[in-house]
Every structure is written in structure tokens, then in C-alpha cells.
């Protein structure tokens, strides 16, 4: 299993990989071209292997990594979901948060 740091950094890479890789309002969405877009938690889940294997340990690790990044970026963030979905949040802001700690 990947460490929290490995998950966060790989999730940042995933969200940076293409302009439409990041979304708000959903964990993961399949695009018309067959690719997926992810929120902060969804990207962490993807790189932790949750979508491939659907194991709760991978989901716990992914959620912990995303929540740590969100709380480090904004001490008032209740969760990574609320951080990701806040009005005015940007893909670049989420990527910066994932790389910051």
C-alpha cells in the first residue's frame, strides 16, 4: 500500500496530467473521450487503487491523504470534499494543496 505522501503526490500528478482531469461535485466522472476526471478525493482514490480493487484500506488511505492536504491548505476545511468543492477553488489550488505537505 502507498504512503499518504505517495498518494498525495501521485494525485497531484494525475490532476496535472490534462486540463479536464479535475472536477467539482463528484468523486469521479467518465468523460466522453473515455478518460476520467476527479475531485481531490477521487484522484487520491484512483492512485491508491481504490477504483481498481475497491478495498476499504485503499479508501481509508486515500481519504486520509486528501484530508491532510485540505487541512494543511486551509485550517478551516471540514474535509477534502468541502475544500475541493468550495466556490472559487481551482485545479491549481487543489494541486498546490496536494503537494504542500
PDB file of N, CA and C in Angstrom:
ATOM      1  N   UNK A   1       0.842  -1.176   0.000  1.00  0.00           N
ATOM      2  CA  UNK A   1       0.000   0.000   0.000  1.00  0.00           C
ATOM      3  C   UNK A   1       0.891   1.245   0.000  1.00  0.00           C
ATOM      4  N   UNK A   2       0.471   2.269  -0.724  1.00  0.00           N
ATOM      5  CA  UNK A   2       1.221   3.513  -0.822  1.00  0.00           C
ATOM      6  C   UNK A   2       1.087   4.324   0.463  1.00  0.00           C
ATOM      7  N   UNK A   3       2.106   5.129   0.740  1.00  0.00           N
ATOM      8  CA  UNK A   3       2.043   6.028   1.886  1.00  0.00           C
ATOM      9  C   UNK A   3       1.172   7.231   1.540  1.00  0.00           C
ATOM     10  N   UNK A   4       0.790   7.970   2.564  1.00  0.00           N
ATOM     11  CA  UNK A   4      -0.006   9.172   2.365  1.00  0.00           C
ATOM     12  C   UNK A   4       0.709  10.166   1.452  1.00  0.00           C
ATOM     13  N   UNK A   5       2.006  10.338   1.644  1.00  0.00           N
ATOM     14  CA  UNK A   5       2.767  11.260   0.788  1.00  0.00           C
ATOM     15  C   UNK A   5       2.778  10.791  -0.660  1.00  0.00           C
ATOM     16  N   UNK A   6       2.978   9.501  -0.872  1.00  0.00           N
ATOM     17  CA  UNK A   6       2.972   8.967  -2.240  1.00  0.00           C
ATOM     18  C   UNK A   6       1.616   9.167  -2.894  1.00  0.00           C
ATOM     19  N   UNK A   7       0.549   8.955  -2.144  1.00  0.00           N
ATOM     20  CA  UNK A   7      -0.805   9.138  -2.680  1.00  0.00           C
ATOM     21  C   UNK A   7      -1.031  10.595  -3.061  1.00  0.00           C
ATOM     22  N   UNK A   8      -0.706  11.512  -2.163  1.00  0.00           N
ATOM     23  CA  UNK A   8      -0.920  12.929  -2.448  1.00  0.00           C
ATOM     24  C   UNK A   8      -0.149  13.402  -3.673  1.00  0.00           C
ATOM     25  N   UNK A   9       1.118  13.027  -3.761  1.00  0.00           N
ATOM     26  CA  UNK A   9       1.941  13.479  -4.891  1.00  0.00           C
ATOM     27  C   UNK A   9       1.483  12.865  -6.212  1.00  0.00           C
ATOM     28  N   UNK A  10       1.109  11.596  -6.183  1.00  0.00           N
ATOM     29  CA  UNK A  10       0.606  10.948  -7.396  1.00  0.00           C
ATOM     30  C   UNK A  10      -0.744  11.536  -7.802  1.00  0.00           C
ATOM     31  N   UNK A  11      -1.578  11.881  -6.835  1.00  0.00           N
ATOM     32  CA  UNK A  11      -2.867  12.512  -7.144  1.00  0.00           C
ATOM     33  C   UNK A  11      -2.642  13.879  -7.779  1.00  0.00           C
ATOM     34  N   UNK A  12      -1.677  14.633  -7.274  1.00  0.00           N
ATOM     35  CA  UNK A  12      -1.349  15.928  -7.883  1.00  0.00           C
ATOM     36  C   UNK A  12      -0.897  15.735  -9.331  1.00  0.00           C
ATOM     37  N   UNK A  13      -0.054  14.745  -9.561  1.00  0.00           N
ATOM     38  CA  UNK A  13       0.390  14.443 -10.934  1.00  0.00           C
ATOM     39  C   UNK A  13      -0.796  14.098 -11.823  1.00  0.00           C
ATOM     40  N   UNK A  14      -1.725  13.300 -11.303  1.00  0.00           N
ATOM     41  CA  UNK A  14      -2.898  12.912 -12.078  1.00  0.00           C
ATOM     42  C   UNK A  14      -3.729  14.134 -12.446  1.00  0.00           C
ATOM     43  N   UNK A  15      -3.968  15.013 -11.492  1.00  0.00           N
ATOM     44  CA  UNK A  15      -4.773  16.207 -11.775  1.00  0.00           C
ATOM     45  C   UNK A  15      -4.058  17.169 -12.711  1.00  0.00           C
ATOM     46  N   UNK A  16      -2.743  17.129 -12.731  1.00  0.00           N
ATOM     47  CA  UNK A  16      -1.953  17.970 -13.641  1.00  0.00           C
ATOM     48  C   UNK A  16      -1.851  17.381 -15.041  1.00  0.00           C
ATOM     49  N   UNK A  17      -2.188  16.111 -15.190  1.00  0.00           N
ATOM     50  CA  UNK A  17      -1.924  15.390 -16.440  1.00  0.00           C
ATOM     51  C   UNK A  17      -2.673  15.929 -17.655  1.00  0.00           C
ATOM     52  N   UNK A  18      -3.812  16.559 -17.434  1.00  0.00           N
ATOM     53  CA  UNK A  18      -4.563  17.143 -18.540  1.00  0.00           C
ATOM     54  C   UNK A  18      -5.539  18.179 -17.999  1.00  0.00           C
ATOM     55  N   UNK A  19      -5.924  19.150 -18.807  1.00  0.00           N
ATOM     56  CA  UNK A  19      -6.755  20.254 -18.327  1.00  0.00           C
ATOM     57  C   UNK A  19      -8.098  19.830 -17.725  1.00  0.00           C
ATOM     58  N   UNK A  20      -8.692  18.760 -18.232  1.00  0.00           N
ATOM     59  CA  UNK A  20     -10.006  18.363 -17.728  1.00  0.00           C
ATOM     60  C   UNK A  20      -9.929  17.250 -16.678  1.00  0.00           C
ATOM     61  N   UNK A  21      -8.784  17.055 -16.049  1.00  0.00           N
ATOM     62  CA  UNK A  21      -8.621  15.976 -15.068  1.00  0.00           C
ATOM     63  C   UNK A  21      -9.298  16.295 -13.741  1.00  0.00           C
ATOM     64  N   UNK A  22      -9.530  17.575 -13.437  1.00  0.00           N
ATOM     65  CA  UNK A  22     -10.104  17.970 -12.148  1.00  0.00           C
ATOM     66  C   UNK A  22     -11.562  18.386 -12.296  1.00  0.00           C
ATOM     67  N   UNK A  23     -12.374  18.008 -11.320  1.00  0.00           N
ATOM     68  CA  UNK A  23     -13.786  18.393 -11.290  1.00  0.00           C
ATOM     69  C   UNK A  23     -14.204  18.759  -9.872  1.00  0.00           C
ATOM     70  N   UNK A  24     -15.352  19.348  -9.779  1.00  0.00           N
ATOM     71  CA  UNK A  24     -16.005  19.602  -8.508  1.00  0.00           C
ATOM     72  C   UNK A  24     -17.357  18.900  -8.527  1.00  0.00           C
ATOM     73  N   UNK A  25     -17.844  18.533  -7.331  1.00  0.00           N
ATOM     74  CA  UNK A  25     -19.190  17.996  -7.213  1.00  0.00           C
ATOM     75  C   UNK A  25     -19.331  16.494  -7.361  1.00  0.00           C
ATOM     76  N   UNK A  26     -18.307  15.812  -7.790  1.00  0.00           N
ATOM     77  CA  UNK A  26     -18.320  14.356  -7.936  1.00  0.00           C
ATOM     78  C   UNK A  26     -16.931  13.839  -7.599  1.00  0.00           C
ATOM     79  N   UNK A  27     -16.846  12.575  -7.165  1.00  0.00           N
ATOM     80  CA  UNK A  27     -15.543  11.970  -6.918  1.00  0.00           C
ATOM     81  C   UNK A  27     -14.836  11.634  -8.225  1.00  0.00           C
ATOM     82  N   UNK A  28     -15.601  11.064  -9.159  1.00  0.00           N
ATOM     83  CA  UNK A  28     -15.032  10.638 -10.440  1.00  0.00           C
ATOM     84  C   UNK A  28     -16.126  10.696 -11.496  1.00  0.00           C
ATOM     85  N   UNK A  29     -15.740  11.144 -12.703  1.00  0.00           N
ATOM     86  CA  UNK A  29     -16.696  11.216 -13.809  1.00  0.00           C
ATOM     87  C   UNK A  29     -16.020  10.710 -15.073  1.00  0.00           C
ATOM     88  N   UNK A  30     -16.720   9.850 -15.788  1.00  0.00           N
ATOM     89  CA  UNK A  30     -16.199   9.379 -17.071  1.00  0.00           C
ATOM     90  C   UNK A  30     -16.556  10.404 -18.140  1.00  0.00           C
ATOM     91  N   UNK A  31     -15.555  10.818 -18.884  1.00  0.00           N
ATOM     92  CA  UNK A  31     -15.732  11.807 -19.944  1.00  0.00           C
ATOM     93  C   UNK A  31     -16.100  11.118 -21.255  1.00  0.00           C
ATOM     94  N   UNK A  32     -16.593  11.897 -22.199  1.00  0.00           N
ATOM     95  CA  UNK A  32     -16.997  11.362 -23.499  1.00  0.00           C
ATOM     96  C   UNK A  32     -15.853  10.678 -24.237  1.00  0.00           C
ATOM     97  N   UNK A  33     -14.618  11.110 -23.982  1.00  0.00           N
ATOM     98  CA  UNK A  33     -13.469  10.522 -24.671  1.00  0.00           C
ATOM     99  C   UNK A  33     -12.920   9.275 -23.965  1.00  0.00           C
ATOM    100  N   UNK A  34     -13.602   8.835 -22.895  1.00  0.00           N
ATOM    101  CA  UNK A  34     -13.192   7.625 -22.182  1.00  0.00           C
ATOM    102  C   UNK A  34     -12.252   7.869 -21.020  1.00  0.00           C
ATOM    103  N   UNK A  35     -11.744   9.095 -20.886  1.00  0.00           N
ATOM    104  CA  UNK A  35     -10.897   9.426 -19.738  1.00  0.00           C
ATOM    105  C   UNK A  35     -11.783   9.730 -18.531  1.00  0.00           C
ATOM    106  N   UNK A  36     -11.157   9.876 -17.384  1.00  0.00           N
ATOM    107  CA  UNK A  36     -11.884  10.230 -16.168  1.00  0.00           C
ATOM    108  C   UNK A  36     -11.394  11.561 -15.636  1.00  0.00           C
ATOM    109  N   UNK A  37     -12.292  12.265 -14.970  1.00  0.00           N
ATOM    110  CA  UNK A  37     -11.968  13.470 -14.227  1.00  0.00           C
ATOM    111  C   UNK A  37     -12.238  13.173 -12.759  1.00  0.00           C
ATOM    112  N   UNK A  38     -11.500  13.852 -11.868  1.00  0.00           N
ATOM    113  CA  UNK A  38     -11.552  13.535 -10.447  1.00  0.00           C
ATOM    114  C   UNK A  38     -11.564  14.793  -9.594  1.00  0.00           C
ATOM    115  N   UNK A  39     -12.207  14.693  -8.438  1.00  0.00           N
ATOM    116  CA  UNK A  39     -12.017  15.710  -7.415  1.00  0.00           C
ATOM    117  C   UNK A  39     -10.770  15.322  -6.623  1.00  0.00           C
ATOM    118  N   UNK A  40     -10.445  16.085  -5.616  1.00  0.00           N
ATOM    119  CA  UNK A  40      -9.263  15.820  -4.801  1.00  0.00           C
ATOM    120  C   UNK A  40      -9.297  14.412  -4.201  1.00  0.00           C
ATOM    121  N   UNK A  41     -10.435  14.036  -3.627  1.00  0.00           N
ATOM    122  CA  UNK A  41     -10.567  12.708  -3.023  1.00  0.00           C
ATOM    123  C   UNK A  41     -10.554  11.630  -4.099  1.00  0.00           C
ATOM    124  N   UNK A  42     -11.263  11.859  -5.191  1.00  0.00           N
ATOM    125  CA  UNK A  42     -11.303  10.884  -6.275  1.00  0.00           C
ATOM    126  C   UNK A  42      -9.928  10.604  -6.859  1.00  0.00           C
ATOM    127  N   UNK A  43      -9.116  11.649  -7.008  1.00  0.00           N
ATOM    128  CA  UNK A  43      -7.750  11.458  -7.517  1.00  0.00           C
ATOM    129  C   UNK A  43      -6.927  10.634  -6.535  1.00  0.00           C
ATOM    130  N   UNK A  44      -7.082  10.912  -5.249  1.00  0.00           N
ATOM    131  CA  UNK A  44      -6.366  10.124  -4.237  1.00  0.00           C
ATOM    132  C   UNK A  44      -6.839   8.674  -4.262  1.00  0.00           C
ATOM    133  N   UNK A  45      -8.139   8.474  -4.421  1.00  0.00           N
ATOM    134  CA  UNK A  45      -8.667   7.104  -4.512  1.00  0.00           C
ATOM    135  C   UNK A  45      -8.101   6.378  -5.739  1.00  0.00           C
ATOM    136  N   UNK A  46      -8.035   7.072  -6.853  1.00  0.00           N
ATOM    137  CA  UNK A  46      -7.531   6.449  -8.089  1.00  0.00           C
ATOM    138  C   UNK A  46      -6.102   5.967  -7.905  1.00  0.00           C
ATOM    139  N   UNK A  47      -5.239   6.823  -7.408  1.00  0.00           N
ATOM    140  CA  UNK A  47      -3.839   6.440  -7.291  1.00  0.00           C
ATOM    141  C   UNK A  47      -3.584   5.456  -6.154  1.00  0.00           C
ATOM    142  N   UNK A  48      -4.488   5.415  -5.171  1.00  0.00           N
ATOM    143  CA  UNK A  48      -4.363   4.439  -4.079  1.00  0.00           C
ATOM    144  C   UNK A  48      -4.838   3.058  -4.504  1.00  0.00           C
ATOM    145  N   UNK A  49      -5.529   2.989  -5.638  1.00  0.00           N
ATOM    146  CA  UNK A  49      -6.008   1.703  -6.139  1.00  0.00           C
ATOM    147  C   UNK A  49      -7.436   1.375  -5.767  1.00  0.00           C
ATOM    148  N   UNK A  50      -8.123   2.304  -5.148  1.00  0.00           N
ATOM    149  CA  UNK A  50      -9.491   2.034  -4.699  1.00  0.00           C
ATOM    150  C   UNK A  50     -10.421   1.666  -5.849  1.00  0.00           C
ATOM    151  N   UNK A  51     -10.364   2.388  -6.950  1.00  0.00           N
ATOM    152  CA  UNK A  51     -11.275   2.095  -8.061  1.00  0.00           C
ATOM    153  C   UNK A  51     -10.926   0.782  -8.752  1.00  0.00           C
ATOM    154  N   UNK A  52      -9.672   0.408  -8.738  1.00  0.00           N
ATOM    155  CA  UNK A  52      -9.254  -0.846  -9.370  1.00  0.00           C
ATOM    156  C   UNK A  52      -9.577  -2.056  -8.497  1.00  0.00           C
ATOM    157  N   UNK A  53      -9.417  -1.902  -7.185  1.00  0.00           N
ATOM    158  CA  UNK A  53      -9.563  -3.047  -6.286  1.00  0.00           C
ATOM    159  C   UNK A  53     -10.720  -2.919  -5.310  1.00  0.00           C
ATOM    160  N   UNK A  54     -11.210  -1.695  -5.115  1.00  0.00           N
ATOM    161  CA  UNK A  54     -12.324  -1.411  -4.204  1.00  0.00           C
ATOM    162  C   UNK A  54     -12.110  -1.999  -2.814  1.00  0.00           C
ATOM    163  N   UNK A  55     -10.938  -1.739  -2.248  1.00  0.00           N
ATOM    164  CA  UNK A  55     -10.681  -2.192  -0.884  1.00  0.00           C
ATOM    165  C   UNK A  55     -10.813  -1.020   0.073  1.00  0.00           C
ATOM    166  N   UNK A  56     -11.383  -1.283   1.220  1.00  0.00           N
ATOM    167  CA  UNK A  56     -11.591  -0.218   2.187  1.00  0.00           C
ATOM    168  C   UNK A  56     -10.275   0.354   2.703  1.00  0.00           C
ATOM    169  N   UNK A  57      -9.235  -0.461   2.798  1.00  0.00           N
ATOM    170  CA  UNK A  57      -7.958   0.073   3.273  1.00  0.00           C
ATOM    171  C   UNK A  57      -7.422   1.111   2.289  1.00  0.00           C
ATOM    172  N   UNK A  58      -7.588   0.885   0.994  1.00  0.00           N
ATOM    173  CA  UNK A  58      -7.160   1.865  -0.004  1.00  0.00           C
ATOM    174  C   UNK A  58      -8.005   3.134   0.099  1.00  0.00           C
ATOM    175  N   UNK A  59      -9.304   2.984   0.367  1.00  0.00           N
ATOM    176  CA  UNK A  59     -10.178   4.145   0.512  1.00  0.00           C
ATOM    177  C   UNK A  59      -9.796   4.942   1.756  1.00  0.00           C
ATOM    178  N   UNK A  60      -9.515   4.266   2.860  1.00  0.00           N
ATOM    179  CA  UNK A  60      -9.107   4.955   4.083  1.00  0.00           C
ATOM    180  C   UNK A  60      -7.813   5.733   3.855  1.00  0.00           C
ATOM    181  N   UNK A  61      -6.853   5.115   3.181  1.00  0.00           N
ATOM    182  CA  UNK A  61      -5.574   5.779   2.907  1.00  0.00           C
ATOM    183  C   UNK A  61      -5.784   6.985   2.002  1.00  0.00           C
ATOM    184  N   UNK A  62      -6.618   6.846   0.999  1.00  0.00           N
ATOM    185  CA  UNK A  62      -6.894   7.940   0.071  1.00  0.00           C
ATOM    186  C   UNK A  62      -7.581   9.098   0.783  1.00  0.00           C
ATOM    187  N   UNK A  63      -8.588   8.793   1.592  1.00  0.00           N
ATOM    188  CA  UNK A  63      -9.300   9.846   2.313  1.00  0.00           C
ATOM    189  C   UNK A  63      -8.378  10.561   3.294  1.00  0.00           C
ATOM    190  N   UNK A  64      -7.532   9.818   3.991  1.00  0.00           N
ATOM    191  CA  UNK A  64      -6.597  10.428   4.946  1.00  0.00           C
ATOM    192  C   UNK A  64      -5.619  11.355   4.230  1.00  0.00           C
ATOM    193  N   UNK A  65      -5.122  10.936   3.071  1.00  0.00           N
ATOM    194  CA  UNK A  65      -4.182  11.770   2.306  1.00  0.00           C
ATOM    195  C   UNK A  65      -4.860  13.055   1.849  1.00  0.00           C
ATOM    196  N   UNK A  66      -6.055  12.949   1.308  1.00  0.00           N
ATOM    197  CA  UNK A  66      -6.772  14.128   0.822  1.00  0.00           C
ATOM    198  C   UNK A  66      -7.141  15.061   1.971  1.00  0.00           C
ATOM    199  N   UNK A  67      -7.622  14.509   3.075  1.00  0.00           N
ATOM    200  CA  UNK A  67      -7.987  15.346   4.222  1.00  0.00           C
ATOM    201  C   UNK A  67      -6.777  16.060   4.803  1.00  0.00           C
ATOM    202  N   UNK A  68      -5.624  15.394   4.854  1.00  0.00           N
ATOM    203  CA  UNK A  68      -4.401  16.027   5.365  1.00  0.00           C
ATOM    204  C   UNK A  68      -4.007  17.212   4.488  1.00  0.00           C
ATOM    205  N   UNK A  69      -4.092  17.041   3.184  1.00  0.00           N
ATOM    206  CA  UNK A  69      -3.749  18.132   2.264  1.00  0.00           C
ATOM    207  C   UNK A  69      -4.725  19.289   2.415  1.00  0.00           C
ATOM    208  N   UNK A  70      -6.013  18.991   2.515  1.00  0.00           N
ATOM    209  CA  UNK A  70      -7.022  20.045   2.646  1.00  0.00           C
ATOM    210  C   UNK A  70      -6.854  20.816   3.946  1.00  0.00           C
ATOM    211  N   UNK A  71      -6.624  20.124   5.048  1.00  0.00           N
ATOM    212  CA  UNK A  71      -6.492  20.832   6.324  1.00  0.00           C
ATOM    213  C   UNK A  71      -5.189  21.615   6.391  1.00  0.00           C
ATOM    214  N   UNK A  72      -4.136  21.142   5.734  1.00  0.00           N
ATOM    215  CA  UNK A  72      -2.882  21.898   5.696  1.00  0.00           C
ATOM    216  C   UNK A  72      -3.041  23.163   4.857  1.00  0.00           C
ATOM    217  N   UNK A  73      -3.835  23.078   3.803  1.00  0.00           N
ATOM    218  CA  UNK A  73      -4.041  24.231   2.923  1.00  0.00           C
ATOM    219  C   UNK A  73      -4.998  25.247   3.538  1.00  0.00           C
ATOM    220  N   UNK A  74      -5.940  24.763   4.342  1.00  0.00           N
ATOM    221  CA  UNK A  74      -6.949  25.639   4.925  1.00  0.00           C
ATOM    222  C   UNK A  74      -7.397  25.024   6.239  1.00  0.00           C
ATOM    223  N   UNK A  75      -6.951  25.588   7.336  1.00  0.00           N
ATOM    224  CA  UNK A  75      -7.260  25.024   8.655  1.00  0.00           C
ATOM    225  C   UNK A  75      -8.761  24.965   8.927  1.00  0.00           C
ATOM    226  N   UNK A  76      -9.546  25.759   8.223  1.00  0.00           N
ATOM    227  CA  UNK A  76     -10.994  25.760   8.412  1.00  0.00           C
ATOM    228  C   UNK A  76     -11.707  24.708   7.567  1.00  0.00           C
ATOM    229  N   UNK A  77     -10.982  24.004   6.716  1.00  0.00           N
ATOM    230  CA  UNK A  77     -11.603  22.997   5.852  1.00  0.00           C
ATOM    231  C   UNK A  77     -12.131  21.856   6.707  1.00  0.00           C
ATOM    232  N   UNK A  78     -13.392  21.540   6.539  1.00  0.00           N
ATOM    233  CA  UNK A  78     -14.016  20.457   7.283  1.00  0.00           C
ATOM    234  C   UNK A  78     -13.563  19.115   6.733  1.00  0.00           C
ATOM    235  N   UNK A  79     -13.395  19.042   5.432  1.00  0.00           N
ATOM    236  CA  UNK A  79     -12.967  17.811   4.769  1.00  0.00           C
ATOM    237  C   UNK A  79     -12.378  18.163   3.417  1.00  0.00           C
ATOM    238  N   UNK A  80     -11.759  17.174   2.806  1.00  0.00           N
ATOM    239  CA  UNK A  80     -11.218  17.381   1.463  1.00  0.00           C
ATOM    240  C   UNK A  80     -12.340  17.655   0.467  1.00  0.00           C
ATOM    241  N   UNK A  81     -13.491  17.048   0.675  1.00  0.00           N
ATOM    242  CA  UNK A  81     -14.626  17.276  -0.230  1.00  0.00           C
ATOM    243  C   UNK A  81     -15.058  18.735  -0.171  1.00  0.00           C
ATOM    244  N   UNK A  82     -15.207  19.272   1.046  1.00  0.00           N
ATOM    245  CA  UNK A  82     -15.626  20.673   1.153  1.00  0.00           C
ATOM    246  C   UNK A  82     -14.542  21.616   0.636  1.00  0.00           C
ATOM    247  N   UNK A  83     -13.281  21.258   0.837  1.00  0.00           N
ATOM    248  CA  UNK A  83     -12.182  22.068   0.314  1.00  0.00           C
ATOM    249  C   UNK A  83     -12.220  22.080  -1.214  1.00  0.00           C
ATOM    250  N   UNK A  84     -12.306  20.908  -1.825  1.00  0.00           N
ATOM    251  CA  UNK A  84     -12.323  20.780  -3.283  1.00  0.00           C
ATOM    252  C   UNK A  84     -13.502  21.528  -3.898  1.00  0.00           C
ATOM    253  N   UNK A  85     -14.665  21.423  -3.265  1.00  0.00           N
ATOM    254  CA  UNK A  85     -15.890  21.958  -3.848  1.00  0.00           C
ATOM    255  C   UNK A  85     -16.207  23.400  -3.452  1.00  0.00           C
ATOM    256  N   UNK A  86     -15.327  24.041  -2.702  1.00  0.00           N
ATOM    257  CA  UNK A  86     -15.575  25.427  -2.296  1.00  0.00           C
ATOM    258  C   UNK A  86     -15.669  26.331  -3.527  1.00  0.00           C
ATOM    259  N   UNK A  87     -16.612  27.264  -3.503  1.00  0.00           N
ATOM    260  CA  UNK A  87     -16.709  28.208  -4.629  1.00  0.00           C
ATOM    261  C   UNK A  87     -15.378  28.931  -4.844  1.00  0.00           C
ATOM    262  N   UNK A  88     -14.991  29.053  -6.081  1.00  0.00           N
ATOM    263  CA  UNK A  88     -13.761  29.736  -6.431  1.00  0.00           C
ATOM    264  C   UNK A  88     -12.510  28.865  -6.386  1.00  0.00           C
ATOM    265  N   UNK A  89     -12.646  27.629  -5.909  1.00  0.00           N
ATOM    266  CA  UNK A  89     -11.488  26.721  -5.864  1.00  0.00           C
ATOM    267  C   UNK A  89     -11.066  26.416  -7.291  1.00  0.00           C
ATOM    268  N   UNK A  90      -9.786  26.260  -7.509  1.00  0.00           N
ATOM    269  CA  UNK A  90      -9.257  25.969  -8.836  1.00  0.00           C
ATOM    270  C   UNK A  90      -8.471  24.664  -8.830  1.00  0.00           C
ATOM    271  N   UNK A  91      -8.279  24.126 -10.001  1.00  0.00           N
ATOM    272  CA  UNK A  91      -7.447  22.931 -10.157  1.00  0.00           C
ATOM    273  C   UNK A  91      -6.047  23.202  -9.623  1.00  0.00           C
ATOM    274  N   UNK A  92      -5.505  24.356  -9.947  1.00  0.00           N
ATOM    275  CA  UNK A  92      -4.154  24.691  -9.500  1.00  0.00           C
ATOM    276  C   UNK A  92      -4.082  24.768  -7.979  1.00  0.00           C
ATOM    277  N   UNK A  93      -5.130  25.297  -7.338  1.00  0.00           N
ATOM    278  CA  UNK A  93      -5.152  25.374  -5.882  1.00  0.00           C
ATOM    279  C   UNK A  93      -5.173  24.002  -5.249  1.00  0.00           C
ATOM    280  N   UNK A  94      -5.934  23.092  -5.821  1.00  0.00           N
ATOM    281  CA  UNK A  94      -6.006  21.723  -5.302  1.00  0.00           C
ATOM    282  C   UNK A  94      -4.661  21.016  -5.500  1.00  0.00           C
ATOM    283  N   UNK A  95      -4.051  21.191  -6.652  1.00  0.00           N
ATOM    284  CA  UNK A  95      -2.740  20.583  -6.911  1.00  0.00           C
ATOM    285  C   UNK A  95      -1.703  21.123  -5.927  1.00  0.00           C
ATOM    286  N   UNK A  96      -1.716  22.413  -5.697  1.00  0.00           N
ATOM    287  CA  UNK A  96      -0.791  23.020  -4.737  1.00  0.00           C
ATOM    288  C   UNK A  96      -1.005  22.451  -3.349  1.00  0.00           C
ATOM    289  N   UNK A  97      -2.257  22.283  -2.939  1.00  0.00           N
ATOM    290  CA  UNK A  97      -2.557  21.720  -1.624  1.00  0.00           C
ATOM    291  C   UNK A  97      -2.040  20.305  -1.511  1.00  0.00           C
ATOM    292  N   UNK A  98      -2.204  19.501  -2.554  1.00  0.00           N
ATOM    293  CA  UNK A  98      -1.725  18.117  -2.524  1.00  0.00           C
ATOM    294  C   UNK A  98      -0.209  18.054  -2.428  1.00  0.00           C
ATOM    295  N   UNK A  99       0.489  19.002  -3.000  1.00  0.00           N
ATOM    296  CA  UNK A  99       1.954  18.992  -2.984  1.00  0.00           C
ATOM    297  C   UNK A  99       2.548  19.694  -1.753  1.00  0.00           C
ATOM    298  N   UNK A 100       1.740  20.438  -1.007  1.00  0.00           N
ATOM    299  CA  UNK A 100       2.257  21.353   0.010  1.00  0.00           C
ATOM    300  C   UNK A 100       2.842  20.688   1.258  1.00  0.00           C
ATOM    301  N   UNK A 101       2.350  19.540   1.657  1.00  0.00           N
ATOM    302  CA  UNK A 101       2.841  18.960   2.923  1.00  0.00           C
ATOM    303  C   UNK A 101       3.672  17.738   2.690  1.00  0.00           C
TER     304      UNK A 101
END
